[in-house]
C-alpha atoms as a PDB file:
ATOM      1  CA  MET A   1      11.645 -41.748  16.561  1.00  0.00           C
ATOM      2  CA  SER A   2      13.866 -43.773  19.228  1.00  0.00           C
ATOM      3  CA  ILE A   3      17.206 -44.945  19.715  1.00  0.00           C
ATOM      4  CA  GLN A   4      17.782 -48.599  20.896  1.00  0.00           C
ATOM      5  CA  TRP A   5      21.008 -50.431  21.923  1.00  0.00           C
ATOM      6  CA  ARG A   6      21.989 -52.901  19.297  1.00  0.00           C
ATOM      7  CA  GLU A   7      24.600 -55.606  19.527  1.00  0.00           C
ATOM      8  CA  SER A   8      26.714 -54.150  16.987  1.00  0.00           C
ATOM      9  CA  LEU A   9      27.500 -51.382  19.203  1.00  0.00           C
ATOM     10  CA  ALA A  10      29.076 -53.849  21.811  1.00  0.00           C
ATOM     11  CA  ILE A  11      32.844 -53.434  22.322  1.00  0.00           C
ATOM     12  CA  GLY A  12      32.948 -56.567  24.283  1.00  0.00           C
ATOM     13  CA  VAL A  13      33.947 -55.101  27.693  1.00  0.00           C
ATOM     14  CA  GLU A  14      30.681 -55.624  29.863  1.00  0.00           C
ATOM     15  CA  ALA A  15      31.065 -52.747  32.166  1.00  0.00           C
ATOM     16  CA  ILE A  16      31.678 -50.320  29.240  1.00  0.00           C
ATOM     17  CA  ASP A  17      28.761 -51.899  27.114  1.00  0.00           C
ATOM     18  CA  ASN A  18      26.261 -51.438  30.002  1.00  0.00           C
ATOM     19  CA  GLN A  19      27.478 -47.954  30.516  1.00  0.00           C
ATOM     20  CA  HIS A  20      26.940 -47.216  26.740  1.00  0.00           C
ATOM     21  CA  LYS A  21      23.313 -49.006  27.155  1.00  0.00           C
ATOM     22  CA  GLU A  22      22.444 -46.635  30.028  1.00  0.00           C
ATOM     23  CA  LEU A  23      23.584 -43.597  27.946  1.00  0.00           C
ATOM     24  CA  LEU A  24      21.485 -44.508  24.983  1.00  0.00           C
ATOM     25  CA  LEU A  25      18.611 -45.421  27.217  1.00  0.00           C
ATOM     26  CA  ARG A  26      18.605 -41.582  28.458  1.00  0.00           C
ATOM     27  CA  PHE A  27      18.710 -40.274  25.111  1.00  0.00           C
ATOM     28  CA  ASP A  28      15.943 -42.503  24.224  1.00  0.00           C
ATOM     29  CA  ARG A  29      14.005 -40.915  26.881  1.00  0.00           C
ATOM     30  CA  LEU A  30      14.642 -37.602  25.562  1.00  0.00           C
ATOM     31  CA  LEU A  31      13.575 -38.418  22.099  1.00  0.00           C
ATOM     32  CA  ASN A  32      10.423 -39.913  23.352  1.00  0.00           C
ATOM     33  CA  ALA A  33       9.754 -36.824  25.549  1.00  0.00           C
ATOM     34  CA  CYS A  34      10.334 -34.828  22.633  1.00  0.00           C
ATOM     35  CA  GLN A  35       7.500 -36.598  20.690  1.00  0.00           C
ATOM     36  CA  ALA A  36       5.200 -36.160  23.584  1.00  0.00           C
ATOM     37  CA  GLY A  37       6.125 -32.324  23.923  1.00  0.00           C
ATOM     38  CA  GLN A  38       7.943 -32.895  26.867  1.00  0.00           C
ATOM     39  CA  GLY A  39      11.510 -32.214  25.724  1.00  0.00           C
ATOM     40  CA  ILE A  40      12.687 -29.574  27.727  1.00  0.00           C
ATOM     41  CA  GLU A  41      12.012 -31.364  31.034  1.00  0.00           C
ATOM     42  CA  GLU A  42      13.603 -34.224  30.033  1.00  0.00           C
ATOM     43  CA  LEU A  43      16.651 -32.328  28.655  1.00  0.00           C
ATOM     44  CA  LYS A  44      16.804 -30.889  31.876  1.00  0.00           C
ATOM     45  CA  LYS A  45      17.186 -34.374  33.633  1.00  0.00           C
ATOM     46  CA  LEU A  46      19.607 -35.524  30.813  1.00  0.00           C
ATOM     47  CA  LEU A  47      21.883 -32.502  31.450  1.00  0.00           C
ATOM     48  CA  VAL A  48      22.023 -33.385  35.033  1.00  0.00           C
ATOM     49  CA  PHE A  49      22.753 -37.098  34.534  1.00  0.00           C
ATOM     50  CA  LEU A  50      25.205 -36.494  31.712  1.00  0.00           C
ATOM     51  CA  GLY A  51      27.229 -33.826  34.003  1.00  0.00           C
ATOM     52  CA  GLU A  52      27.991 -36.826  36.282  1.00  0.00           C
ATOM     53  CA  TYR A  53      27.673 -40.019  34.310  1.00  0.00           C
ATOM     54  CA  VAL A  54      30.069 -39.012  31.427  1.00  0.00           C
ATOM     55  CA  HIS A  55      32.946 -38.203  33.726  1.00  0.00           C
ATOM     56  CA  THR A  56      32.610 -41.660  35.116  1.00  0.00           C
ATOM     57  CA  HIS A  57      32.128 -43.257  32.021  1.00  0.00           C
ATOM     58  CA  PHE A  58      35.182 -41.592  30.134  1.00  0.00           C
ATOM     59  CA  ASN A  59      37.480 -42.284  33.071  1.00  0.00           C
ATOM     60  CA  ASP A  60      36.509 -45.786  33.078  1.00  0.00           C
ATOM     61  CA  GLU A  61      37.262 -46.069  29.308  1.00  0.00           C
ATOM     62  CA  GLU A  62      40.421 -44.242  29.783  1.00  0.00           C
ATOM     63  CA  ALA A  63      41.581 -46.358  32.662  1.00  0.00           C
ATOM     64  CA  LEU A  64      40.680 -49.467  30.368  1.00  0.00           C
ATOM     65  CA  GLN A  65      42.833 -47.860  27.586  1.00  0.00           C
ATOM     66  CA  ARG A  66      45.914 -47.082  29.989  1.00  0.00           C
ATOM     67  CA  LEU A  67      45.669 -50.541  31.290  1.00  0.00           C
ATOM     68  CA  HIS A  68      45.915 -52.277  27.864  1.00  0.00           C
ATOM     69  CA  ARG A  69      48.581 -49.503  26.671  1.00  0.00           C
ATOM     70  CA  TYR A  70      46.062 -48.593  23.818  1.00  0.00           C
ATOM     71  CA  PRO A  71      48.068 -46.718  21.039  1.00  0.00           C
ATOM     72  CA  GLU A  72      45.257 -44.379  20.043  1.00  0.00           C
ATOM     73  CA  TYR A  73      44.655 -43.265  23.834  1.00  0.00           C
ATOM     74  CA  GLU A  74      45.239 -39.583  23.218  1.00  0.00           C
ATOM     75  CA  THR A  75      43.207 -39.304  20.248  1.00  0.00           C
ATOM     76  CA  HIS A  76      40.368 -41.234  22.093  1.00  0.00           C
ATOM     77  CA  ARG A  77      40.831 -39.048  25.359  1.00  0.00           C
ATOM     78  CA  ALA A  78      40.628 -35.985  22.939  1.00  0.00           C
ATOM     79  CA  GLU A  79      37.285 -36.793  21.639  1.00  0.00           C
ATOM     80  CA  HIS A  80      36.150 -37.409  25.178  1.00  0.00           C
ATOM     81  CA  LEU A  81      37.375 -33.745  26.158  1.00  0.00           C
ATOM     82  CA  TYR A  82      35.411 -32.429  22.979  1.00  0.00           C
ATOM     83  CA  PHE A  83      32.134 -34.021  24.197  1.00  0.00           C
ATOM     84  CA  ILE A  84      32.582 -32.641  27.497  1.00  0.00           C
ATOM     85  CA  GLU A  85      33.413 -29.265  26.274  1.00  0.00           C
ATOM     86  CA  GLN A  86      30.134 -29.181  24.191  1.00  0.00           C
ATOM     87  CA  LEU A  87      28.248 -30.370  27.243  1.00  0.00           C
ATOM     88  CA  ASN A  88      29.854 -27.646  29.268  1.00  0.00           C
ATOM     89  CA  ILE A  89      28.702 -24.907  26.397  1.00  0.00           C
ATOM     90  CA  LEU A  90      25.256 -26.328  26.580  1.00  0.00           C
ATOM     91  CA  ASN A  91      25.073 -26.377  30.344  1.00  0.00           C
ATOM     92  CA  SER A  92      26.451 -22.775  30.372  1.00  0.00           C
ATOM     93  CA  GLU A  93      23.766 -21.661  27.656  1.00  0.00           C
ATOM     94  CA  THR A  94      20.851 -23.435  29.504  1.00  0.00           C
ATOM     95  CA  GLU A  95      21.913 -21.751  32.795  1.00  0.00           C
ATOM     96  CA  ALA A  96      21.884 -18.502  31.295  1.00  0.00           C
ATOM     97  CA  GLU A  97      18.904 -18.725  28.868  1.00  0.00           C
ATOM     98  CA  GLY A  98      16.971 -21.342  30.488  1.00  0.00           C
ATOM     99  CA  VAL A  99      16.284 -24.577  28.615  1.00  0.00           C
ATOM    100  CA  SER A 100      14.327 -23.934  25.267  1.00  0.00           C
ATOM    101  CA  THR A 101      13.543 -25.910  22.323  1.00  0.00           C
ATOM    102  CA  HIS A 102      16.566 -24.992  20.430  1.00  0.00           C
ATOM    103  CA  HIS A 103      18.661 -26.584  23.053  1.00  0.00           C
ATOM    104  CA  VAL A 104      16.670 -29.824  22.997  1.00  0.00           C
ATOM    105  CA  ILE A 105      17.112 -29.975  19.005  1.00  0.00           C
ATOM    106  CA  GLY A 106      20.933 -29.144  19.441  1.00  0.00           C
ATOM    107  CA  THR A 107      21.303 -31.930  21.923  1.00  0.00           C
ATOM    108  CA  ASN A 108      19.560 -34.336  19.682  1.00  0.00           C
ATOM    109  CA  ASN A 109      21.597 -33.609  16.639  1.00  0.00           C
ATOM    110  CA  MET A 110      24.927 -33.110  18.200  1.00  0.00           C
ATOM    111  CA  LEU A 111      25.441 -35.019  21.453  1.00  0.00           C
ATOM    112  CA  LEU A 112      23.613 -38.023  20.284  1.00  0.00           C
ATOM    113  CA  LYS A 113      25.222 -38.222  16.889  1.00  0.00           C
ATOM    114  CA  TRP A 114      28.384 -37.664  18.523  1.00  0.00           C
ATOM    115  CA  LEU A 115      27.729 -40.431  20.944  1.00  0.00           C
ATOM    116  CA  LEU A 116      26.623 -43.026  18.213  1.00  0.00           C
ATOM    117  CA  ASN A 117      29.563 -42.250  15.907  1.00  0.00           C
ATOM    118  CA  HIS A 118      32.067 -42.372  19.021  1.00  0.00           C
ATOM    119  CA  ILE A 119      30.563 -45.893  20.105  1.00  0.00           C
ATOM    120  CA  SER A 120      30.369 -47.237  16.580  1.00  0.00           C
ATOM    121  CA  LYS A 121      33.885 -46.204  15.662  1.00  0.00           C
ATOM    122  CA  SER A 122      36.107 -45.302  18.453  1.00  0.00           C
ATOM    123  CA  ASP A 123      35.025 -47.368  21.172  1.00  0.00           C
ATOM    124  CA  LYS A 124      34.554 -50.279  18.804  1.00  0.00           C
ATOM    125  CA  ASP A 125      38.183 -49.826  17.670  1.00  0.00           C
ATOM    126  CA  LEU A 126      39.424 -49.908  21.495  1.00  0.00           C
ATOM    127  CA  GLY A 127      37.265 -53.302  21.913  1.00  0.00           C
ATOM    128  CA  ASP A 128      38.892 -54.744  18.811  1.00  0.00           C
ATOM    129  CA  PHE A 129      42.237 -53.891  20.168  1.00  0.00           C
ATOM    130  CA  ILE A 130      41.555 -55.421  23.504  1.00  0.00           C
ATOM    131  CA  LYS A 131      40.023 -58.551  21.937  1.00  0.00           C
ATOM    132  CA  SER A 132      43.004 -58.840  19.802  1.00  0.00           C
ATOM    133  CA  GLY A 133      45.386 -59.172  22.629  1.00  0.00           C
ATOM    134  CA  THR A 134      48.232 -57.257  20.973  1.00  0.00           C
ATOM    135  CA  HIS A 135      48.950 -55.294  24.011  1.00  0.00           C
END
């Protein structure tokens, strides 16, 4: 199993698309590591990466939304805050318990699905709004 970037996920803003590509690449590494029995070690790396990267990425997206006066800004921002909350819960659990197989499975199920759904729907809507020039 792997996750690959596909052009249908592009929102048409190169900087954001490149950040999405990097996020998917990191999740793909986790999926590949799971197949090789190295999921726990790769999840540790992914959590460090996500702890820094999603804040930068979400801030960039939100700045773009404010710039274009995106009408769904608050809803979109709430989705970002939800992801950060889930990431914080996962980090707290792994700090208290150590990283285990159930954390790897949970990350694959929740974070990856959330990310793909968010990019393919919410971010895509943002890209369509920007391209429409209706702001």
